[in-house]
PDB file of N, CA and C in Angstrom:
ATOM      1  N   MET A   1       0.850  -1.168   0.000  1.00  0.00           N
ATOM      2  CA  MET A   1       0.000   0.000   0.000  1.00  0.00           C
ATOM      3  C   MET A   1       0.897   1.234   0.000  1.00  0.00           C
ATOM      4  N   VAL A   2       0.666   2.149  -0.950  1.00  0.00           N
ATOM      5  CA  VAL A   2       1.448   3.373  -1.075  1.00  0.00           C
ATOM      6  C   VAL A   2       0.495   4.548  -0.902  1.00  0.00           C
ATOM      7  N   ASN A   3       0.905   5.537  -0.088  1.00  0.00           N
ATOM      8  CA  ASN A   3       0.018   6.683   0.131  1.00  0.00           C
ATOM      9  C   ASN A   3       0.169   7.701  -0.993  1.00  0.00           C
ATOM     10  N   GLU A   4      -0.530   8.840  -0.878  1.00  0.00           N
ATOM     11  CA  GLU A   4      -0.550   9.846  -1.939  1.00  0.00           C
ATOM     12  C   GLU A   4       0.830  10.434  -2.237  1.00  0.00           C
ATOM     13  N   GLU A   5       1.678  10.490  -1.219  1.00  0.00           N
ATOM     14  CA  GLU A   5       3.013  11.047  -1.412  1.00  0.00           C
ATOM     15  C   GLU A   5       3.991  10.028  -1.979  1.00  0.00           C
ATOM     16  N   GLY A   6       3.539   8.800  -2.201  1.00  0.00           N
ATOM     17  CA  GLY A   6       4.397   7.765  -2.751  1.00  0.00           C
ATOM     18  C   GLY A   6       5.172   7.001  -1.696  1.00  0.00           C
ATOM     19  N   PHE A   7       4.853   7.200  -0.416  1.00  0.00           N
ATOM     20  CA  PHE A   7       5.541   6.509   0.661  1.00  0.00           C
ATOM     21  C   PHE A   7       4.739   5.304   1.123  1.00  0.00           C
ATOM     22  N   ILE A   8       5.447   4.284   1.540  1.00  0.00           N
ATOM     23  CA  ILE A   8       4.791   3.125   2.124  1.00  0.00           C
ATOM     24  C   ILE A   8       4.610   3.399   3.607  1.00  0.00           C
ATOM     25  N   PRO A   9       3.377   3.325   4.112  1.00  0.00           N
ATOM     26  CA  PRO A   9       3.150   3.595   5.534  1.00  0.00           C
ATOM     27  C   PRO A   9       3.889   2.590   6.415  1.00  0.00           C
ATOM     28  N   SER A  10       4.289   3.044   7.568  1.00  0.00           N
ATOM     29  CA  SER A  10       4.974   2.159   8.498  1.00  0.00           C
ATOM     30  C   SER A  10       3.996   1.157   9.082  1.00  0.00           C
ATOM     31  N   PHE A  11       4.534   0.105   9.613  1.00  0.00           N
ATOM     32  CA  PHE A  11       3.734  -0.935  10.261  1.00  0.00           C
ATOM     33  C   PHE A  11       2.886  -0.326  11.361  1.00  0.00           C
ATOM     34  N   PHE A  12       3.459   0.588  12.142  1.00  0.00           N
ATOM     35  CA  PHE A  12       2.741   1.177  13.267  1.00  0.00           C
ATOM     36  C   PHE A  12       1.616   2.100  12.815  1.00  0.00           C
ATOM     37  N   SER A  13       1.812   2.818  11.724  1.00  0.00           N
ATOM     38  CA  SER A  13       0.725   3.670  11.242  1.00  0.00           C
ATOM     39  C   SER A  13      -0.425   2.821  10.719  1.00  0.00           C
ATOM     40  N   LEU A  14      -0.127   1.657  10.133  1.00  0.00           N
ATOM     41  CA  LEU A  14      -1.178   0.751   9.688  1.00  0.00           C
ATOM     42  C   LEU A  14      -1.944   0.186  10.875  1.00  0.00           C
ATOM     43  N   ILE A  15      -1.240  -0.136  11.942  1.00  0.00           N
ATOM     44  CA  ILE A  15      -1.900  -0.642  13.151  1.00  0.00           C
ATOM     45  C   ILE A  15      -2.830   0.421  13.712  1.00  0.00           C
ATOM     46  N   ASN A  16      -2.360   1.673  13.782  1.00  0.00           N
ATOM     47  CA  ASN A  16      -3.197   2.766  14.290  1.00  0.00           C
ATOM     48  C   ASN A  16      -4.418   2.981  13.410  1.00  0.00           C
ATOM     49  N   PHE A  17      -4.239   2.919  12.090  1.00  0.00           N
ATOM     50  CA  PHE A  17      -5.351   3.080  11.161  1.00  0.00           C
ATOM     51  C   PHE A  17      -6.375   1.978  11.367  1.00  0.00           C
ATOM     52  N   ASN A  18      -5.898   0.729  11.461  1.00  0.00           N
ATOM     53  CA  ASN A  18      -6.808  -0.399  11.679  1.00  0.00           C
ATOM     54  C   ASN A  18      -7.522  -0.279  13.013  1.00  0.00           C
ATOM     55  N   SER A  19      -6.837   0.230  14.016  1.00  0.00           N
ATOM     56  CA  SER A  19      -7.456   0.423  15.324  1.00  0.00           C
ATOM     57  C   SER A  19      -8.571   1.458  15.248  1.00  0.00           C
ATOM     58  N   LEU A  20      -8.335   2.548  14.515  1.00  0.00           N
ATOM     59  CA  LEU A  20      -9.368   3.574  14.348  1.00  0.00           C
ATOM     60  C   LEU A  20     -10.595   3.011  13.644  1.00  0.00           C
ATOM     61  N   ILE A  21     -10.357   2.212  12.606  1.00  0.00           N
ATOM     62  CA  ILE A  21     -11.455   1.618  11.857  1.00  0.00           C
ATOM     63  C   ILE A  21     -12.267   0.701  12.760  1.00  0.00           C
ATOM     64  N   ARG A  22     -11.591  -0.128  13.519  1.00  0.00           N
ATOM     65  CA  ARG A  22     -12.284  -1.091  14.374  1.00  0.00           C
ATOM     66  C   ARG A  22     -13.053  -0.414  15.505  1.00  0.00           C
ATOM     67  N   ASN A  23     -12.710   0.831  15.836  1.00  0.00           N
ATOM     68  CA  ASN A  23     -13.421   1.556  16.893  1.00  0.00           C
ATOM     69  C   ASN A  23     -14.603   2.355  16.366  1.00  0.00           C
ATOM     70  N   MET A  24     -14.783   2.373  15.048  1.00  0.00           N
ATOM     71  CA  MET A  24     -15.940   3.056  14.482  1.00  0.00           C
ATOM     72  C   MET A  24     -17.205   2.329  14.934  1.00  0.00           C
ATOM     73  N   LYS A  25     -18.243   3.105  15.216  1.00  0.00           N
ATOM     74  CA  LYS A  25     -19.523   2.531  15.630  1.00  0.00           C
ATOM     75  C   LYS A  25     -20.600   2.956  14.642  1.00  0.00           C
ATOM     76  N   PHE A  26     -21.230   1.968  14.039  1.00  0.00           N
ATOM     77  CA  PHE A  26     -22.255   2.209  13.038  1.00  0.00           C
ATOM     78  C   PHE A  26     -23.636   1.936  13.625  1.00  0.00           C
ATOM     79  N   THR A  27     -24.588   2.761  13.239  1.00  0.00           N
ATOM     80  CA  THR A  27     -25.982   2.561  13.608  1.00  0.00           C
ATOM     81  C   THR A  27     -26.779   2.477  12.317  1.00  0.00           C
ATOM     82  N   VAL A  28     -27.558   1.403  12.177  1.00  0.00           N
ATOM     83  CA  VAL A  28     -28.361   1.178  10.975  1.00  0.00           C
ATOM     84  C   VAL A  28     -29.830   1.268  11.348  1.00  0.00           C
ATOM     85  N   TYR A  29     -30.549   2.142  10.653  1.00  0.00           N
ATOM     86  CA  TYR A  29     -31.997   2.237  10.798  1.00  0.00           C
ATOM     87  C   TYR A  29     -32.589   1.463   9.631  1.00  0.00           C
ATOM     88  N   SER A  30     -33.271   0.382   9.949  1.00  0.00           N
ATOM     89  CA  SER A  30     -33.674  -0.607   8.970  1.00  0.00           C
ATOM     90  C   SER A  30     -35.175  -0.869   9.036  1.00  0.00           C
ATOM     91  N   LYS A  31     -35.661  -1.629   8.045  1.00  0.00           N
ATOM     92  CA  LYS A  31     -37.042  -2.118   8.095  1.00  0.00           C
ATOM     93  C   LYS A  31     -37.073  -3.503   7.471  1.00  0.00           C
ATOM     94  N   ASP A  32     -38.050  -4.296   7.879  1.00  0.00           N
ATOM     95  CA  ASP A  32     -38.204  -5.652   7.354  1.00  0.00           C
ATOM     96  C   ASP A  32     -38.468  -5.627   5.860  1.00  0.00           C
ATOM     97  N   GLY A  33     -37.899  -6.607   5.156  1.00  0.00           N
ATOM     98  CA  GLY A  33     -38.144  -6.759   3.733  1.00  0.00           C
ATOM     99  C   GLY A  33     -37.376  -5.812   2.841  1.00  0.00           C
ATOM    100  N   CYS A  34     -36.429  -5.090   3.391  1.00  0.00           N
ATOM    101  CA  CYS A  34     -35.659  -4.100   2.626  1.00  0.00           C
ATOM    102  C   CYS A  34     -34.340  -4.727   2.158  1.00  0.00           C
ATOM    103  N   PRO A  35     -34.178  -4.958   0.833  1.00  0.00           N
ATOM    104  CA  PRO A  35     -32.946  -5.594   0.346  1.00  0.00           C
ATOM    105  C   PRO A  35     -31.689  -4.750   0.578  1.00  0.00           C
ATOM    106  N   TYR A  36     -31.827  -3.422   0.538  1.00  0.00           N
ATOM    107  CA  TYR A  36     -30.680  -2.554   0.771  1.00  0.00           C
ATOM    108  C   TYR A  36     -30.257  -2.592   2.233  1.00  0.00           C
ATOM    109  N   CYS A  37     -31.225  -2.753   3.125  1.00  0.00           N
ATOM    110  CA  CYS A  37     -30.926  -2.892   4.556  1.00  0.00           C
ATOM    111  C   CYS A  37     -30.141  -4.171   4.800  1.00  0.00           C
ATOM    112  N   ILE A  38     -30.580  -5.241   4.157  1.00  0.00           N
ATOM    113  CA  ILE A  38     -29.895  -6.536   4.296  1.00  0.00           C
ATOM    114  C   ILE A  38     -28.458  -6.417   3.806  1.00  0.00           C
ATOM    115  N   LYS A  39     -28.262  -5.753   2.676  1.00  0.00           N
ATOM    116  CA  LYS A  39     -26.923  -5.588   2.096  1.00  0.00           C
ATOM    117  C   LYS A  39     -25.989  -4.854   3.058  1.00  0.00           C
ATOM    118  N   VAL A  40     -26.443  -3.741   3.614  1.00  0.00           N
ATOM    119  CA  VAL A  40     -25.616  -2.958   4.537  1.00  0.00           C
ATOM    120  C   VAL A  40     -25.284  -3.780   5.780  1.00  0.00           C
ATOM    121  N   LYS A  41     -26.267  -4.470   6.327  1.00  0.00           N
ATOM    122  CA  LYS A  41     -26.032  -5.280   7.524  1.00  0.00           C
ATOM    123  C   LYS A  41     -25.036  -6.395   7.237  1.00  0.00           C
ATOM    124  N   GLN A  42     -25.129  -7.025   6.058  1.00  0.00           N
ATOM    125  CA  GLN A  42     -24.185  -8.085   5.688  1.00  0.00           C
ATOM    126  C   GLN A  42     -22.765  -7.548   5.579  1.00  0.00           C
ATOM    127  N   VAL A  43     -22.604  -6.396   4.957  1.00  0.00           N
ATOM    128  CA  VAL A  43     -21.272  -5.798   4.806  1.00  0.00           C
ATOM    129  C   VAL A  43     -20.673  -5.483   6.177  1.00  0.00           C
ATOM    130  N   LEU A  44     -21.464  -4.897   7.061  1.00  0.00           N
ATOM    131  CA  LEU A  44     -20.959  -4.566   8.399  1.00  0.00           C
ATOM    132  C   LEU A  44     -20.614  -5.833   9.186  1.00  0.00           C
ATOM    133  N   GLU A  45     -21.396  -6.876   9.019  1.00  0.00           N
ATOM    134  CA  GLU A  45     -21.101  -8.138   9.699  1.00  0.00           C
ATOM    135  C   GLU A  45     -19.834  -8.783   9.138  1.00  0.00           C
ATOM    136  N   LEU A  46     -19.698  -8.805   7.809  1.00  0.00           N
ATOM    137  CA  LEU A  46     -18.527  -9.421   7.181  1.00  0.00           C
ATOM    138  C   LEU A  46     -17.230  -8.692   7.524  1.00  0.00           C
ATOM    139  N   THR A  47     -17.311  -7.371   7.664  1.00  0.00           N
ATOM    140  CA  THR A  47     -16.115  -6.592   8.004  1.00  0.00           C
ATOM    141  C   THR A  47     -15.862  -6.560   9.505  1.00  0.00           C
ATOM    142  N   LYS A  48     -16.787  -7.149  10.268  1.00  0.00           N
ATOM    143  CA  LYS A  48     -16.678  -7.214  11.732  1.00  0.00           C
ATOM    144  C   LYS A  48     -16.613  -5.835  12.389  1.00  0.00           C
ATOM    145  N   LEU A  49     -17.292  -4.873  11.749  1.00  0.00           N
ATOM    146  CA  LEU A  49     -17.363  -3.532  12.326  1.00  0.00           C
ATOM    147  C   LEU A  49     -18.467  -3.492  13.373  1.00  0.00           C
ATOM    148  N   GLN A  50     -18.239  -2.715  14.428  1.00  0.00           N
ATOM    149  CA  GLN A  50     -19.237  -2.574  15.484  1.00  0.00           C
ATOM    150  C   GLN A  50     -20.467  -1.876  14.918  1.00  0.00           C
ATOM    151  N   HIS A  51     -21.611  -2.494  15.142  1.00  0.00           N
ATOM    152  CA  HIS A  51     -22.840  -1.863  14.659  1.00  0.00           C
ATOM    153  C   HIS A  51     -24.034  -2.333  15.474  1.00  0.00           C
ATOM    154  N   VAL A  52     -25.046  -1.484  15.461  1.00  0.00           N
ATOM    155  CA  VAL A  52     -26.327  -1.803  16.083  1.00  0.00           C
ATOM    156  C   VAL A  52     -27.394  -1.516  15.033  1.00  0.00           C
ATOM    157  N   VAL A  53     -28.430  -2.354  15.031  1.00  0.00           N
ATOM    158  CA  VAL A  53     -29.502  -2.213  14.057  1.00  0.00           C
ATOM    159  C   VAL A  53     -30.800  -1.908  14.797  1.00  0.00           C
ATOM    160  N   TYR A  54     -31.475  -0.850  14.364  1.00  0.00           N
ATOM    161  CA  TYR A  54     -32.791  -0.506  14.887  1.00  0.00           C
ATOM    162  C   TYR A  54     -33.804  -0.744  13.772  1.00  0.00           C
ATOM    163  N   ASN A  55     -34.928  -1.374  14.123  1.00  0.00           N
ATOM    164  CA  ASN A  55     -35.932  -1.735  13.129  1.00  0.00           C
ATOM    165  C   ASN A  55     -37.207  -0.913  13.276  1.00  0.00           C
ATOM    166  N   LEU A  56     -37.733  -0.489  12.118  1.00  0.00           N
ATOM    167  CA  LEU A  56     -38.990   0.245  12.057  1.00  0.00           C
ATOM    168  C   LEU A  56     -40.099  -0.596  12.683  1.00  0.00           C
ATOM    169  N   GLY A  57     -40.890   0.029  13.519  1.00  0.00           N
ATOM    170  CA  GLY A  57     -42.007  -0.646  14.154  1.00  0.00           C
ATOM    171  C   GLY A  57     -41.652  -1.321  15.464  1.00  0.00           C
ATOM    172  N   GLU A  58     -40.366  -1.640  15.663  1.00  0.00           N
ATOM    173  CA  GLU A  58     -39.895  -2.238  16.907  1.00  0.00           C
ATOM    174  C   GLU A  58     -39.178  -1.203  17.771  1.00  0.00           C
ATOM    175  N   ASP A  59     -38.282  -0.447  17.130  1.00  0.00           N
ATOM    176  CA  ASP A  59     -37.421   0.482  17.863  1.00  0.00           C
ATOM    177  C   ASP A  59     -37.752   1.952  17.609  1.00  0.00           C
ATOM    178  N   PHE A  60     -38.450   2.231  16.530  1.00  0.00           N
ATOM    179  CA  PHE A  60     -38.808   3.608  16.193  1.00  0.00           C
ATOM    180  C   PHE A  60     -40.010   3.603  15.260  1.00  0.00           C
ATOM    181  N   THR A  61     -40.681   4.749  15.165  1.00  0.00           N
ATOM    182  CA  THR A  61     -41.824   4.908  14.265  1.00  0.00           C
ATOM    183  C   THR A  61     -41.369   5.604  12.983  1.00  0.00           C
ATOM    184  N   ARG A  62     -42.207   5.544  11.984  1.00  0.00           N
ATOM    185  CA  ARG A  62     -41.897   6.240  10.723  1.00  0.00           C
ATOM    186  C   ARG A  62     -41.790   7.748  10.968  1.00  0.00           C
ATOM    187  N   GLU A  63     -42.625   8.272  11.864  1.00  0.00           N
ATOM    188  CA  GLU A  63     -42.570   9.703  12.188  1.00  0.00           C
ATOM    189  C   GLU A  63     -41.227  10.064  12.823  1.00  0.00           C
ATOM    190  N   GLN A  64     -40.747   9.225  13.725  1.00  0.00           N
ATOM    191  CA  GLN A  64     -39.437   9.466  14.344  1.00  0.00           C
ATOM    192  C   GLN A  64     -38.324   9.381  13.301  1.00  0.00           C
ATOM    193  N   PHE A  65     -38.444   8.429  12.378  1.00  0.00           N
ATOM    194  CA  PHE A  65     -37.469   8.270  11.302  1.00  0.00           C
ATOM    195  C   PHE A  65     -37.403   9.531  10.446  1.00  0.00           C
ATOM    196  N   TYR A  66     -38.568  10.027  10.030  1.00  0.00           N
ATOM    197  CA  TYR A  66     -38.603  11.235   9.205  1.00  0.00           C
ATOM    198  C   TYR A  66     -38.127  12.465   9.981  1.00  0.00           C
ATOM    199  N   ALA A  67     -38.413  12.516  11.260  1.00  0.00           N
ATOM    200  CA  ALA A  67     -37.940  13.634  12.080  1.00  0.00           C
ATOM    201  C   ALA A  67     -36.415  13.645  12.153  1.00  0.00           C
ATOM    202  N   GLU A  68     -35.819  12.467  12.178  1.00  0.00           N
ATOM    203  CA  GLU A  68     -34.346  12.352  12.277  1.00  0.00           C
ATOM    204  C   GLU A  68     -33.655  12.546  10.926  1.00  0.00           C
ATOM    205  N   PHE A  69     -34.225  11.965   9.863  1.00  0.00           N
ATOM    206  CA  PHE A  69     -33.522  11.934   8.567  1.00  0.00           C
ATOM    207  C   PHE A  69     -34.174  12.771   7.480  1.00  0.00           C
ATOM    208  N   GLY A  70     -35.337  13.312   7.750  1.00  0.00           N
ATOM    209  CA  GLY A  70     -36.002  14.142   6.759  1.00  0.00           C
ATOM    210  C   GLY A  70     -37.139  13.412   6.062  1.00  0.00           C
ATOM    211  N   GLU A  71     -38.166  14.162   5.776  1.00  0.00           N
ATOM    212  CA  GLU A  71     -39.351  13.630   5.093  1.00  0.00           C
ATOM    213  C   GLU A  71     -38.931  13.014   3.756  1.00  0.00           C
ATOM    214  N   GLY A  72     -39.404  11.810   3.484  1.00  0.00           N
ATOM    215  CA  GLY A  72     -39.089  11.143   2.219  1.00  0.00           C
ATOM    216  C   GLY A  72     -37.792  10.354   2.230  1.00  0.00           C
ATOM    217  N   SER A  73     -37.084  10.319   3.352  1.00  0.00           N
ATOM    218  CA  SER A  73     -35.847   9.525   3.434  1.00  0.00           C
ATOM    219  C   SER A  73     -36.176   8.057   3.242  1.00  0.00           C
ATOM    220  N   THR A  74     -35.233   7.337   2.670  1.00  0.00           N
ATOM    221  CA  THR A  74     -35.433   5.919   2.378  1.00  0.00           C
ATOM    222  C   THR A  74     -34.602   5.054   3.322  1.00  0.00           C
ATOM    223  N   PHE A  75     -34.888   3.770   3.299  1.00  0.00           N
ATOM    224  CA  PHE A  75     -34.174   2.806   4.138  1.00  0.00           C
ATOM    225  C   PHE A  75     -33.099   2.105   3.339  1.00  0.00           C
ATOM    226  N   PRO A  76     -32.002   1.763   3.997  1.00  0.00           N
ATOM    227  CA  PRO A  76     -31.631   2.073   5.371  1.00  0.00           C
ATOM    228  C   PRO A  76     -31.062   3.482   5.472  1.00  0.00           C
ATOM    229  N   GLN A  77     -30.901   3.946   6.680  1.00  0.00           N
ATOM    230  CA  GLN A  77     -30.106   5.145   6.962  1.00  0.00           C
ATOM    231  C   GLN A  77     -29.043   4.701   7.947  1.00  0.00           C
ATOM    232  N   VAL A  78     -27.799   5.125   7.678  1.00  0.00           N
ATOM    233  CA  VAL A  78     -26.667   4.670   8.476  1.00  0.00           C
ATOM    234  C   VAL A  78     -25.934   5.867   9.063  1.00  0.00           C
ATOM    235  N   ILE A  79     -25.566   5.725  10.323  1.00  0.00           N
ATOM    236  CA  ILE A  79     -24.777   6.736  11.026  1.00  0.00           C
ATOM    237  C   ILE A  79     -23.480   6.074  11.467  1.00  0.00           C
ATOM    238  N   CYS A  80     -22.382   6.791  11.311  1.00  0.00           N
ATOM    239  CA  CYS A  80     -21.081   6.319  11.795  1.00  0.00           C
ATOM    240  C   CYS A  80     -20.535   7.371  12.747  1.00  0.00           C
ATOM    241  N   ASP A  81     -20.392   6.981  14.001  1.00  0.00           N
ATOM    242  CA  ASP A  81     -19.864   7.901  15.012  1.00  0.00           C
ATOM    243  C   ASP A  81     -20.545   9.271  14.946  1.00  0.00           C
ATOM    244  N   GLU A  82     -21.860   9.268  14.912  1.00  0.00           N
ATOM    245  CA  GLU A  82     -22.693  10.473  14.911  1.00  0.00           C
ATOM    246  C   GLU A  82     -22.703  11.232  13.587  1.00  0.00           C
ATOM    247  N   GLN A  83     -22.024  10.705  12.559  1.00  0.00           N
ATOM    248  CA  GLN A  83     -22.041  11.315  11.226  1.00  0.00           C
ATOM    249  C   GLN A  83     -23.041  10.555  10.364  1.00  0.00           C
ATOM    250  N   LYS A  84     -24.032  11.260   9.844  1.00  0.00           N
ATOM    251  CA  LYS A  84     -25.025  10.626   8.983  1.00  0.00           C
ATOM    252  C   LYS A  84     -24.387  10.339   7.628  1.00  0.00           C
ATOM    253  N   LEU A  85     -24.317   9.044   7.284  1.00  0.00           N
ATOM    254  CA  LEU A  85     -23.721   8.641   6.017  1.00  0.00           C
ATOM    255  C   LEU A  85     -24.734   8.636   4.891  1.00  0.00           C
ATOM    256  N   GLY A  86     -25.972   8.242   5.206  1.00  0.00           N
ATOM    257  CA  GLY A  86     -27.010   8.120   4.191  1.00  0.00           C
ATOM    258  C   GLY A  86     -27.438   6.678   4.055  1.00  0.00           C
ATOM    259  N   GLY A  87     -27.803   6.293   2.825  1.00  0.00           N
ATOM    260  CA  GLY A  87     -28.294   4.951   2.556  1.00  0.00           C
ATOM    261  C   GLY A  87     -27.199   3.952   2.263  1.00  0.00           C
ATOM    262  N   SER A  88     -27.581   2.850   1.624  1.00  0.00           N
ATOM    263  CA  SER A  88     -26.619   1.771   1.381  1.00  0.00           C
ATOM    264  C   SER A  88     -25.520   2.197   0.409  1.00  0.00           C
ATOM    265  N   VAL A  89     -25.869   2.923  -0.636  1.00  0.00           N
ATOM    266  CA  VAL A  89     -24.865   3.352  -1.627  1.00  0.00           C
ATOM    267  C   VAL A  89     -23.831   4.263  -0.968  1.00  0.00           C
ATOM    268  N   GLU A  90     -24.299   5.229  -0.194  1.00  0.00           N
ATOM    269  CA  GLU A  90     -23.386   6.167   0.469  1.00  0.00           C
ATOM    270  C   GLU A  90     -22.522   5.457   1.523  1.00  0.00           C
ATOM    271  N   THR A  91     -23.113   4.471   2.195  1.00  0.00           N
ATOM    272  CA  THR A  91     -22.370   3.731   3.220  1.00  0.00           C
ATOM    273  C   THR A  91     -21.272   2.896   2.586  1.00  0.00           C
ATOM    274  N   ILE A  92     -21.576   2.192   1.505  1.00  0.00           N
ATOM    275  CA  ILE A  92     -20.571   1.388   0.805  1.00  0.00           C
ATOM    276  C   ILE A  92     -19.478   2.298   0.250  1.00  0.00           C
ATOM    277  N   LYS A  93     -19.860   3.446  -0.279  1.00  0.00           N
ATOM    278  CA  LYS A  93     -18.881   4.421  -0.787  1.00  0.00           C
ATOM    279  C   LYS A  93     -17.956   4.873   0.345  1.00  0.00           C
ATOM    280  N   PHE A  94     -18.521   5.192   1.505  1.00  0.00           N
ATOM    281  CA  PHE A  94     -17.737   5.598   2.674  1.00  0.00           C
ATOM    282  C   PHE A  94     -16.749   4.494   3.067  1.00  0.00           C
ATOM    283  N   LEU A  95     -17.201   3.257   3.094  1.00  0.00           N
ATOM    284  CA  LEU A  95     -16.337   2.133   3.461  1.00  0.00           C
ATOM    285  C   LEU A  95     -15.213   1.937   2.450  1.00  0.00           C
ATOM    286  N   LYS A  96     -15.521   2.114   1.173  1.00  0.00           N
ATOM    287  CA  LYS A  96     -14.492   1.995   0.123  1.00  0.00           C
ATOM    288  C   LYS A  96     -13.487   3.139   0.221  1.00  0.00           C
ATOM    289  N   GLU A  97     -13.979   4.363   0.386  1.00  0.00           N
ATOM    290  CA  GLU A  97     -13.077   5.525   0.479  1.00  0.00           C
ATOM    291  C   GLU A  97     -12.136   5.420   1.660  1.00  0.00           C
ATOM    292  N   ASN A  98     -12.579   4.773   2.728  1.00  0.00           N
ATOM    293  CA  ASN A  98     -11.747   4.587   3.908  1.00  0.00           C
ATOM    294  C   ASN A  98     -11.020   3.249   3.910  1.00  0.00           C
ATOM    295  N   GLN A  99     -11.021   2.595   2.756  1.00  0.00           N
ATOM    296  CA  GLN A  99     -10.311   1.332   2.521  1.00  0.00           C
ATOM    297  C   GLN A  99     -10.686   0.260   3.539  1.00  0.00           C
ATOM    298  N   ILE A 100     -11.967   0.231   3.882  1.00  0.00           N
ATOM    299  CA  ILE A 100     -12.461  -0.774   4.820  1.00  0.00           C
ATOM    300  C   ILE A 100     -12.953  -1.988   4.030  1.00  0.00           C
ATOM    301  N   VAL A 101     -13.496  -1.759   2.832  1.00  0.00           N
ATOM    302  CA  VAL A 101     -13.902  -2.844   1.947  1.00  0.00           C
ATOM    303  C   VAL A 101     -13.243  -2.646   0.594  1.00  0.00           C
TER     304      VAL A 101
END
């Protein structure tokens, strides 16, 4: 792995980077029967990232969902360490940009 400056990161910087990644906490707002929700949950499980899943009708109402993410928001909605990432496409993009997947 070579960084933007053309240098190979040290072993210790890689350990610190991996430690930061493993300490990320993801929250998934999901609903039953949603294929995009399933995809995001599978990716988080496969990467062994810390995450919690809240389900519509069990943990929150649609009104609470819209109050948090905006009227017309779709499922899933993912938060990482209090940063709203968005849906499955934005979450996968975030994971790729941070070289997690």
